[in-house]
Each structure stands twice: as C-alpha cells, then as structure tokens.
N, C-alpha and C. Protein backbone atom coordinates (compact mmCIF):
# COMPACT_ATOMS: atom_id res chain seq x y z
N UNK A 1 98.09 0.85 92.72
CA UNK A 1 98.75 1.38 93.65
C UNK A 1 97.48 2.51 93.91
N UNK A 2 96.51 2.02 93.30
CA UNK A 2 95.19 2.96 93.47
C UNK A 2 94.83 3.52 94.79
N UNK A 3 94.83 2.22 95.66
CA UNK A 3 94.40 2.34 97.25
C UNK A 3 95.56 3.22 97.82
N UNK A 4 96.67 2.98 97.47
CA UNK A 4 97.74 3.79 97.89
C UNK A 4 97.79 5.67 97.98
N UNK A 5 97.53 5.45 96.68
CA UNK A 5 96.88 6.91 96.17
C UNK A 5 95.74 7.61 96.95
N UNK A 6 95.05 6.78 96.94
CA UNK A 6 93.47 7.25 97.85
C UNK A 6 93.84 7.23 99.45
N UNK A 7 94.79 6.36 99.56
CA UNK A 7 95.49 6.65 101.31
C UNK A 7 96.15 7.92 101.53
N UNK A 8 96.74 8.22 100.41
CA UNK A 8 97.41 9.54 100.57
C UNK A 8 96.75 10.50 100.45
N UNK A 9 95.55 10.90 99.63
CA UNK A 9 94.65 11.64 99.61
C UNK A 9 94.45 12.08 100.92
N UNK A 10 93.88 11.01 101.43
CA UNK A 10 92.83 10.69 102.64
C UNK A 10 94.01 11.51 103.97
N UNK A 11 95.22 10.91 103.55
CA UNK A 11 95.84 11.20 104.51
C UNK A 11 96.34 12.76 104.60
N UNK A 12 96.26 13.41 103.66
CA UNK A 12 96.77 14.75 103.32
C UNK A 12 95.62 15.57 103.40
N UNK A 13 94.45 15.08 103.05
CA UNK A 13 93.12 16.01 103.79
C UNK A 13 93.09 16.22 105.17
N UNK A 14 92.99 15.03 105.93
CA UNK A 14 93.21 14.81 107.02
C UNK A 14 94.47 15.97 107.84
N UNK A 15 95.68 15.90 107.32
CA UNK A 15 96.79 16.54 108.01
C UNK A 15 96.22 18.61 107.93
N UNK A 16 95.84 18.44 106.63
CA UNK A 16 95.93 20.08 106.22
C UNK A 16 94.55 20.32 107.04
N UNK A 17 93.32 19.46 107.42
CA UNK A 17 92.62 20.00 108.48
C UNK A 17 93.43 20.22 109.70
N UNK A 18 93.91 19.40 110.03
CA UNK A 18 94.24 19.42 111.22
C UNK A 18 95.07 20.44 111.54
N UNK A 19 96.27 21.04 110.59
CA UNK A 19 97.40 22.20 110.33
C UNK A 19 96.33 23.32 110.26
N UNK A 20 95.17 23.33 109.57
CA UNK A 20 94.34 24.48 109.45
C UNK A 20 93.19 24.53 111.01
N UNK A 21 93.47 23.50 111.08
CA UNK A 21 92.32 23.90 112.83
C UNK A 21 93.57 24.41 114.28
N UNK A 22 94.56 23.75 113.97
CA UNK A 22 95.78 24.36 114.85
C UNK A 22 96.14 26.01 114.66
N UNK A 23 96.09 26.26 113.69
CA UNK A 23 96.11 27.56 113.04
C UNK A 23 95.17 28.75 113.58
N UNK A 24 93.91 28.04 113.33
CA UNK A 24 92.59 28.96 113.58
C UNK A 24 92.63 29.18 115.01
N UNK A 25 92.97 27.81 115.83
CA UNK A 25 92.68 27.89 117.42
C UNK A 25 93.80 28.49 118.07
N UNK A 26 94.82 28.61 117.89
CA UNK A 26 96.25 28.55 118.59
C UNK A 26 96.97 29.96 117.58
N UNK A 27 96.67 30.20 116.58
CA UNK A 27 97.23 31.15 115.71
C UNK A 27 98.79 31.12 115.17
N UNK A 28 99.32 31.69 114.43
CA UNK A 28 100.58 32.24 113.88
C UNK A 28 102.08 31.69 115.13
N UNK A 29 101.51 31.04 116.13
CA UNK A 29 102.65 30.65 116.91
C UNK A 29 103.74 30.32 116.87
N UNK A 30 104.90 30.14 117.23
CA UNK A 30 106.27 28.92 116.01
C UNK A 30 106.12 27.81 116.59
N UNK A 31 105.07 27.59 117.53
CA UNK A 31 105.25 26.04 117.94
C UNK A 31 104.36 25.34 117.17
N UNK A 32 102.91 26.12 116.31
CA UNK A 32 102.11 25.58 115.60
C UNK A 32 102.37 25.42 114.70
N UNK A 33 103.73 26.15 113.65
CA UNK A 33 104.16 26.90 112.41
C UNK A 33 105.31 25.80 112.69
N UNK A 34 105.73 25.09 113.74
CA UNK A 34 107.10 24.27 113.68
C UNK A 34 106.21 22.53 113.12
N UNK A 35 105.15 22.30 114.73
CA UNK A 35 104.50 21.77 114.07
C UNK A 35 103.29 21.01 112.88
N UNK A 36 103.06 22.37 112.15
CA UNK A 36 102.79 22.40 110.55
C UNK A 36 103.79 22.07 109.69
N UNK A 37 104.98 22.00 110.05
CA UNK A 37 106.59 22.02 109.16
C UNK A 37 106.80 20.29 109.03
N UNK A 38 106.66 20.06 110.85
CA UNK A 38 106.92 18.62 110.84
C UNK A 38 105.63 17.48 110.08
N UNK A 39 104.60 17.89 110.29
CA UNK A 39 103.41 17.00 109.42
C UNK A 39 103.24 17.48 107.77
N UNK A 40 103.77 18.18 107.64
CA UNK A 40 103.67 17.90 106.27
C UNK A 40 105.17 17.47 105.44
N UNK A 41 106.16 17.70 106.64
CA UNK A 41 107.14 16.60 105.71
C UNK A 41 106.85 15.42 105.94
N UNK A 42 106.23 15.21 107.21
CA UNK A 42 106.10 13.19 107.03
C UNK A 42 104.51 13.10 106.35
N UNK A 43 104.09 14.31 105.51
CA UNK A 43 103.53 13.82 104.55
C UNK A 43 104.13 12.70 103.37
N UNK A 44 105.75 13.59 103.19
CA UNK A 44 106.16 13.34 101.92
C UNK A 44 106.36 12.13 101.60
N UNK A 45 106.70 10.83 102.78
CA UNK A 45 106.69 8.93 102.35
C UNK A 45 105.33 8.73 101.90
N UNK A 46 103.90 9.24 102.13
CA UNK A 46 102.98 8.85 101.38
C UNK A 46 102.82 9.56 100.28
N UNK A 47 103.12 10.47 100.06
CA UNK A 47 103.22 11.07 98.21
C UNK A 47 104.22 10.54 97.46
N UNK A 48 105.25 9.77 98.19
CA UNK A 48 106.57 9.34 97.39
C UNK A 48 106.27 7.54 97.42
N UNK A 49 105.65 7.06 98.42
CA UNK A 49 105.11 5.60 97.87
C UNK A 49 104.06 5.99 96.55
N UNK A 50 102.94 6.31 97.39
CA UNK A 50 101.59 6.28 96.29
C UNK A 50 102.08 6.36 94.60
N UNK A 51 103.19 7.45 94.72
CA UNK A 51 103.35 8.03 93.12
C UNK A 51 104.60 7.36 92.98
N UNK A 52 105.02 6.09 93.70
CA UNK A 52 106.62 6.42 93.20
C UNK A 52 107.73 6.90 92.58
N UNK A 53 107.67 8.10 93.55
CA UNK A 53 108.69 9.04 93.64
C UNK A 53 109.98 8.81 94.61
N UNK A 54 110.78 9.14 93.67
CA UNK A 54 112.13 9.60 94.93
C UNK A 54 112.52 10.60 95.55
N UNK A 55 112.09 10.63 96.83
CA UNK A 55 111.73 12.04 97.86
C UNK A 55 113.13 12.07 98.84
N UNK A 56 113.91 12.62 98.31
CA UNK A 56 115.52 12.85 99.54
C UNK A 56 115.98 11.69 99.35
N UNK A 57 116.07 10.98 100.64
CA UNK A 57 116.97 10.18 100.78
C UNK A 57 116.20 8.79 101.59
N UNK A 58 116.33 7.45 101.51
CA UNK A 58 116.16 6.69 101.87
C UNK A 58 115.99 6.38 103.53
N UNK A 59 117.49 7.23 103.51
CA UNK A 59 117.94 6.94 104.78
C UNK A 59 116.94 7.39 106.30
N UNK A 60 116.53 8.90 105.22
CA UNK A 60 115.89 9.78 106.25
C UNK A 60 115.04 8.81 106.47
N UNK A 61 113.97 8.73 105.77
CA UNK A 61 112.70 7.70 105.93
C UNK A 61 113.08 6.66 106.83
N UNK A 62 113.80 5.83 106.87
CA UNK A 62 113.82 4.69 107.77
C UNK A 62 114.02 5.37 109.33
N UNK A 63 115.10 6.38 109.55
CA UNK A 63 115.20 7.37 110.84
C UNK A 63 113.88 7.98 110.89
N UNK A 64 112.83 8.42 110.35
CA UNK A 64 111.75 8.72 110.68
C UNK A 64 110.89 8.15 110.95
N UNK A 65 110.72 6.97 109.85
CA UNK A 65 109.55 5.57 110.68
C UNK A 65 110.00 5.48 111.60
N UNK A 66 111.56 4.50 112.02
CA UNK A 66 111.76 4.59 113.25
C UNK A 66 111.00 5.60 114.59
N UNK A 67 111.66 6.59 114.76
CA UNK A 67 111.26 7.79 115.33
C UNK A 67 109.57 7.76 115.52
N UNK A 68 108.86 7.39 114.42
CA UNK A 68 107.58 7.47 114.42
C UNK A 68 107.04 6.34 115.26
N UNK A 69 107.23 5.24 114.84
CA UNK A 69 107.37 4.09 115.54
C UNK A 69 107.49 3.88 117.23
N UNK A 70 108.61 3.78 117.40
CA UNK A 70 108.95 4.56 118.51
C UNK A 70 107.84 5.80 119.67
N UNK A 71 107.41 6.89 118.94
CA UNK A 71 106.95 7.36 119.70
C UNK A 71 105.03 6.60 120.08
N UNK A 72 105.02 5.94 118.90
CA UNK A 72 103.49 5.37 118.78
C UNK A 72 103.55 4.16 120.34
N UNK A 73 104.72 3.43 120.30
CA UNK A 73 104.69 2.64 120.97
C UNK A 73 105.08 3.03 122.62
N UNK A 74 105.83 4.46 123.00
CA UNK A 74 105.78 5.60 123.92
C UNK A 74 104.15 5.54 124.17
N UNK A 75 103.13 6.16 123.53
CA UNK A 75 102.32 6.27 124.08
C UNK A 75 101.33 5.34 124.15
N UNK A 76 101.44 4.20 123.03
CA UNK A 76 100.77 3.26 124.22
C UNK A 76 101.24 2.77 125.26
N UNK A 77 102.59 2.77 125.53
CA UNK A 77 103.01 2.23 126.97
C UNK A 77 102.56 3.08 127.78
N UNK A 78 102.59 4.65 127.93
CA UNK A 78 101.51 5.58 128.10
C UNK A 78 100.25 5.57 128.91
N UNK A 79 99.55 4.86 127.79
CA UNK A 79 98.18 4.78 127.76
C UNK A 79 97.84 3.20 128.87
N UNK A 80 98.94 2.83 128.44
CA UNK A 80 98.25 1.64 129.05
C UNK A 80 98.77 1.84 131.03
N UNK A 81 99.86 2.18 131.01
CA UNK A 81 100.20 2.47 132.38
C UNK A 81 99.09 3.76 132.86
N UNK A 82 99.08 4.33 132.44
CA UNK A 82 97.38 5.78 132.83
C UNK A 82 96.44 4.91 133.19
N UNK A 83 95.77 3.81 132.18
CA UNK A 83 94.81 2.59 132.41
C UNK A 83 95.00 2.29 133.53
N UNK A 84 96.12 1.46 133.97
CA UNK A 84 96.14 1.17 134.75
C UNK A 84 96.32 1.44 136.18
N UNK A 85 96.88 3.13 136.42
CA UNK A 85 96.77 3.68 137.66
C UNK A 85 95.13 3.97 137.51
N UNK A 86 94.82 4.32 136.99
CA UNK A 86 93.25 5.19 136.64
C UNK A 86 92.45 3.76 137.48
N UNK A 87 92.40 2.76 137.01
CA UNK A 87 91.58 1.44 137.36
C UNK A 87 91.92 1.01 138.61
N UNK A 88 92.79 1.33 139.30
CA UNK A 88 93.48 0.77 140.55
C UNK A 88 92.63 1.83 141.14
N UNK A 89 92.16 3.38 140.65
CA UNK A 89 91.51 3.98 141.81
C UNK A 89 90.28 4.48 141.59
N UNK A 90 89.89 3.29 140.64
CA UNK A 90 88.00 2.70 141.19
C UNK A 90 87.90 3.76 139.82
N UNK A 91 88.27 3.73 138.87
CA UNK A 91 88.37 4.48 137.71
C UNK A 91 87.17 3.14 136.70
N UNK A 92 86.49 3.85 135.57
CA UNK A 92 85.86 2.70 134.69
C UNK A 92 87.16 2.71 133.69
N UNK A 93 87.77 1.41 133.19
CA UNK A 93 89.10 1.02 132.62
C UNK A 93 88.42 0.45 131.08
N UNK A 94 87.12 0.43 131.51
CA UNK A 94 86.49 0.13 129.40
C UNK A 94 86.79 1.42 128.68
N UNK A 95 86.45 2.24 128.85
CA UNK A 95 86.13 3.33 128.05
C UNK A 95 87.74 3.82 127.58
N UNK A 96 88.99 3.81 128.45
CA UNK A 96 89.85 3.82 128.06
C UNK A 96 90.58 3.16 127.64
N UNK A 97 90.65 1.87 128.07
CA UNK A 97 91.34 0.67 127.28
C UNK A 97 90.74 0.85 125.81
N UNK A 98 89.15 0.99 125.24
CA UNK A 98 88.55 0.93 124.42
C UNK A 98 89.24 1.84 123.60
N UNK A 99 89.56 3.04 123.67
CA UNK A 99 90.76 4.15 123.31
C UNK A 99 91.43 3.30 122.95
N UNK A 100 92.27 2.94 123.60
CA UNK A 100 93.64 2.76 123.23
C UNK A 100 93.78 1.43 122.74
N UNK A 101 93.36 0.73 122.51
CA UNK A 101 93.12 -0.60 121.65
C UNK A 101 92.45 0.10 120.15
N UNK A 102 92.07 1.28 119.91
CA UNK A 102 91.26 1.78 118.74
C UNK A 102 92.34 2.39 118.21
N UNK A 103 93.23 3.32 118.88
CA UNK A 103 94.32 4.02 118.46
C UNK A 103 95.63 3.33 117.83
N UNK A 104 96.24 2.90 118.75
CA UNK A 104 97.33 1.95 118.43
C UNK A 104 97.02 0.82 117.35
N UNK A 105 95.87 0.55 116.98
CA UNK A 105 95.95 -0.54 115.47
C UNK A 105 95.86 0.65 114.45
N UNK A 106 95.15 1.69 114.50
CA UNK A 106 95.11 2.80 113.60
C UNK A 106 96.39 3.38 113.53
N UNK A 107 97.46 3.61 114.57
CA UNK A 107 98.20 4.48 113.97
C UNK A 107 99.17 3.59 113.34
N UNK A 108 99.21 2.23 114.01
CA UNK A 108 100.21 1.37 113.23
C UNK A 108 99.69 1.16 111.95
N UNK A 109 98.56 1.26 111.40
CA UNK A 109 98.05 1.15 110.05
C UNK A 109 98.44 2.42 109.18
N UNK A 110 98.48 3.61 109.86
CA UNK A 110 98.63 4.65 109.08
C UNK A 110 100.61 4.67 108.69
N UNK A 111 101.38 4.10 109.65
CA UNK A 111 102.57 3.80 109.30
C UNK A 111 103.18 2.94 108.37
N UNK A 112 101.76 2.30 107.75
CA UNK A 112 102.14 1.12 106.52
C UNK A 112 102.61 1.81 105.51
N UNK A 113 102.43 3.03 104.62
CA UNK A 113 103.38 3.50 103.67
C UNK A 113 104.36 4.12 103.96
N UNK A 114 104.78 4.56 105.26
CA UNK A 114 105.99 5.35 105.55
C UNK A 114 107.13 3.80 105.72
N UNK A 115 106.80 2.79 106.10
CA UNK A 115 107.14 1.82 106.21
C UNK A 115 107.60 0.75 104.77
N UNK A 116 106.35 1.23 104.09
CA UNK A 116 106.88 0.34 102.83
C UNK A 116 107.61 1.72 101.60
N UNK A 117 107.54 2.48 102.27
CA UNK A 117 108.47 3.55 101.27
C UNK A 117 110.15 3.59 101.65
N UNK A 118 109.93 3.18 103.15
CA UNK A 118 111.55 3.59 103.36
C UNK A 118 112.32 2.29 103.36
N UNK A 119 111.75 1.11 103.57
CA UNK A 119 112.39 -0.55 103.86
C UNK A 119 112.09 -1.15 102.87
N UNK A 120 110.81 -1.28 101.99
CA UNK A 120 110.43 -1.69 100.98
C UNK A 120 110.35 -1.60 99.28
N UNK A 121 110.92 -0.20 99.04
CA UNK A 121 111.02 -0.14 97.97
C UNK A 121 112.38 0.02 97.31
N UNK A 122 113.14 -0.95 97.38
CA UNK A 122 114.60 -0.98 97.15
C UNK A 122 114.74 -0.55 95.66
N UNK A 123 113.55 -1.42 94.63
CA UNK A 123 113.59 -1.45 93.12
C UNK A 123 113.97 0.40 93.02
N UNK A 124 112.53 1.62 93.91
CA UNK A 124 112.28 2.38 93.34
C UNK A 124 113.74 3.40 93.85
N UNK A 125 114.51 3.23 94.72
CA UNK A 125 116.05 3.93 95.36
C UNK A 125 116.89 3.39 94.28
N UNK A 126 116.74 1.60 93.71
CA UNK A 126 117.93 1.98 93.24
C UNK A 126 118.07 2.42 91.32
N UNK A 127 116.78 2.98 91.08
CA UNK A 127 116.90 3.11 90.04
C UNK A 127 117.54 4.27 89.89
N UNK A 128 118.27 5.15 88.59
CA UNK A 128 118.74 6.13 88.14
C UNK A 128 118.42 6.77 87.04
N UNK A 129 117.05 6.54 87.04
CA UNK A 129 116.22 7.63 85.99
C UNK A 129 115.81 8.79 86.78
N UNK A 130 116.07 9.51 85.73
CA UNK A 130 115.33 11.13 86.26
C UNK A 130 114.23 11.43 86.07
N UNK A 131 113.86 12.02 86.99
CA UNK A 131 112.06 12.03 87.38
C UNK A 131 111.79 13.09 86.48
N UNK A 132 110.51 13.10 86.46
CA UNK A 132 110.06 13.77 85.65
C UNK A 132 109.35 14.93 86.41
N UNK A 133 109.95 16.25 85.97
CA UNK A 133 109.32 17.75 87.10
C UNK A 133 107.98 17.73 86.56
N UNK A 134 107.37 17.21 84.90
CA UNK A 134 106.03 18.02 84.75
C UNK A 134 105.33 16.24 84.78
N UNK A 135 104.11 16.23 85.90
CA UNK A 135 103.37 15.18 85.56
C UNK A 135 102.67 15.21 84.19
N UNK A 136 102.61 13.89 83.69
CA UNK A 136 101.58 13.70 82.60
C UNK A 136 100.33 14.04 82.82
N UNK A 137 99.64 14.76 81.84
CA UNK A 137 98.09 15.11 81.85
C UNK A 137 97.06 13.56 82.05
N UNK A 138 95.81 13.88 81.82
CA UNK A 138 95.08 12.48 81.64
C UNK A 138 95.28 11.79 80.39
N UNK A 139 95.77 12.48 79.29
CA UNK A 139 95.68 12.11 77.73
C UNK A 139 97.12 11.54 77.65
N UNK A 140 98.01 12.03 78.90
CA UNK A 140 99.90 12.01 78.09
C UNK A 140 100.08 12.64 77.64
N UNK A 141 99.50 13.97 77.12
CA UNK A 141 100.12 15.14 76.64
C UNK A 141 100.39 15.91 77.97
N UNK A 142 101.59 16.87 77.28
CA UNK A 142 102.43 17.42 78.04
C UNK A 142 101.68 19.08 77.99
C-alpha cells in the first residue's frame, strides 16, 4: 500500500497547490470556494483507499467515480471533435492531438484509486470493526 499512500500524497499536494493558486488568482469568490470544497471532497477516496479507512458510504464513491469517468470521457469527445474541426480549418492537429492523447491516459490513471476504493474494496466495506480515531505513532504508542 506504500505506492498508493505516496500517490495519495502526490495528488493531495497537487490539489492543495491548485486550490491555493485559484484562491490567489481569483480570490475567495463563491465559485472558487465551491470548487475547493469539491476538490477536497474528491480527495477522500484516495485517502480512504491508501489508508484502508471507511469514509462515508461506498455508494457515494461509486456515484462520484461514475461522474468523474463520464466527465473525463466527455472531455475526450470534446477534444476529439475540436481537433477534427481545427484540423479541417487548416490548423496543426499534431499539437492538440498530442495533448489529448497525453491528458486522457493520465486522467484514467488518476481514477484508479477511486475505482478500487468504490468497487474493489469489498473486504474493507464489509468489516464492522470500529475505526480508530487516533492514528498510531511510528513506534505503535499513543
């Protein structure tokens, strides 16, 4: 699980950086605050999967994963249609197509932990063990 914890922290740092830059550039407008809330909410399945903790309900994560996947696919369709019309107008398709082909696989890769958390963590969701509120220290002492 170390790789998923590392991945979780990388995604968390990137999300905090993105939200911070939005707050600096656009200020504390309602749209930026709603976007920040959504961004931090979407971090929860990464944390839950990496640290094997139940957060909310698996049905919530199945719905959010499905919405994220649909959004990613719509972005791909929009990018492909845009590239088609751009190339028919005499534009250079290579740059845009390279960007599209780079972004979509990265987007799919980033959705792996939410997918595994929502759909493939049945053992985690079926346990009735009460979760610890205080994490153990390095040496196992509290």
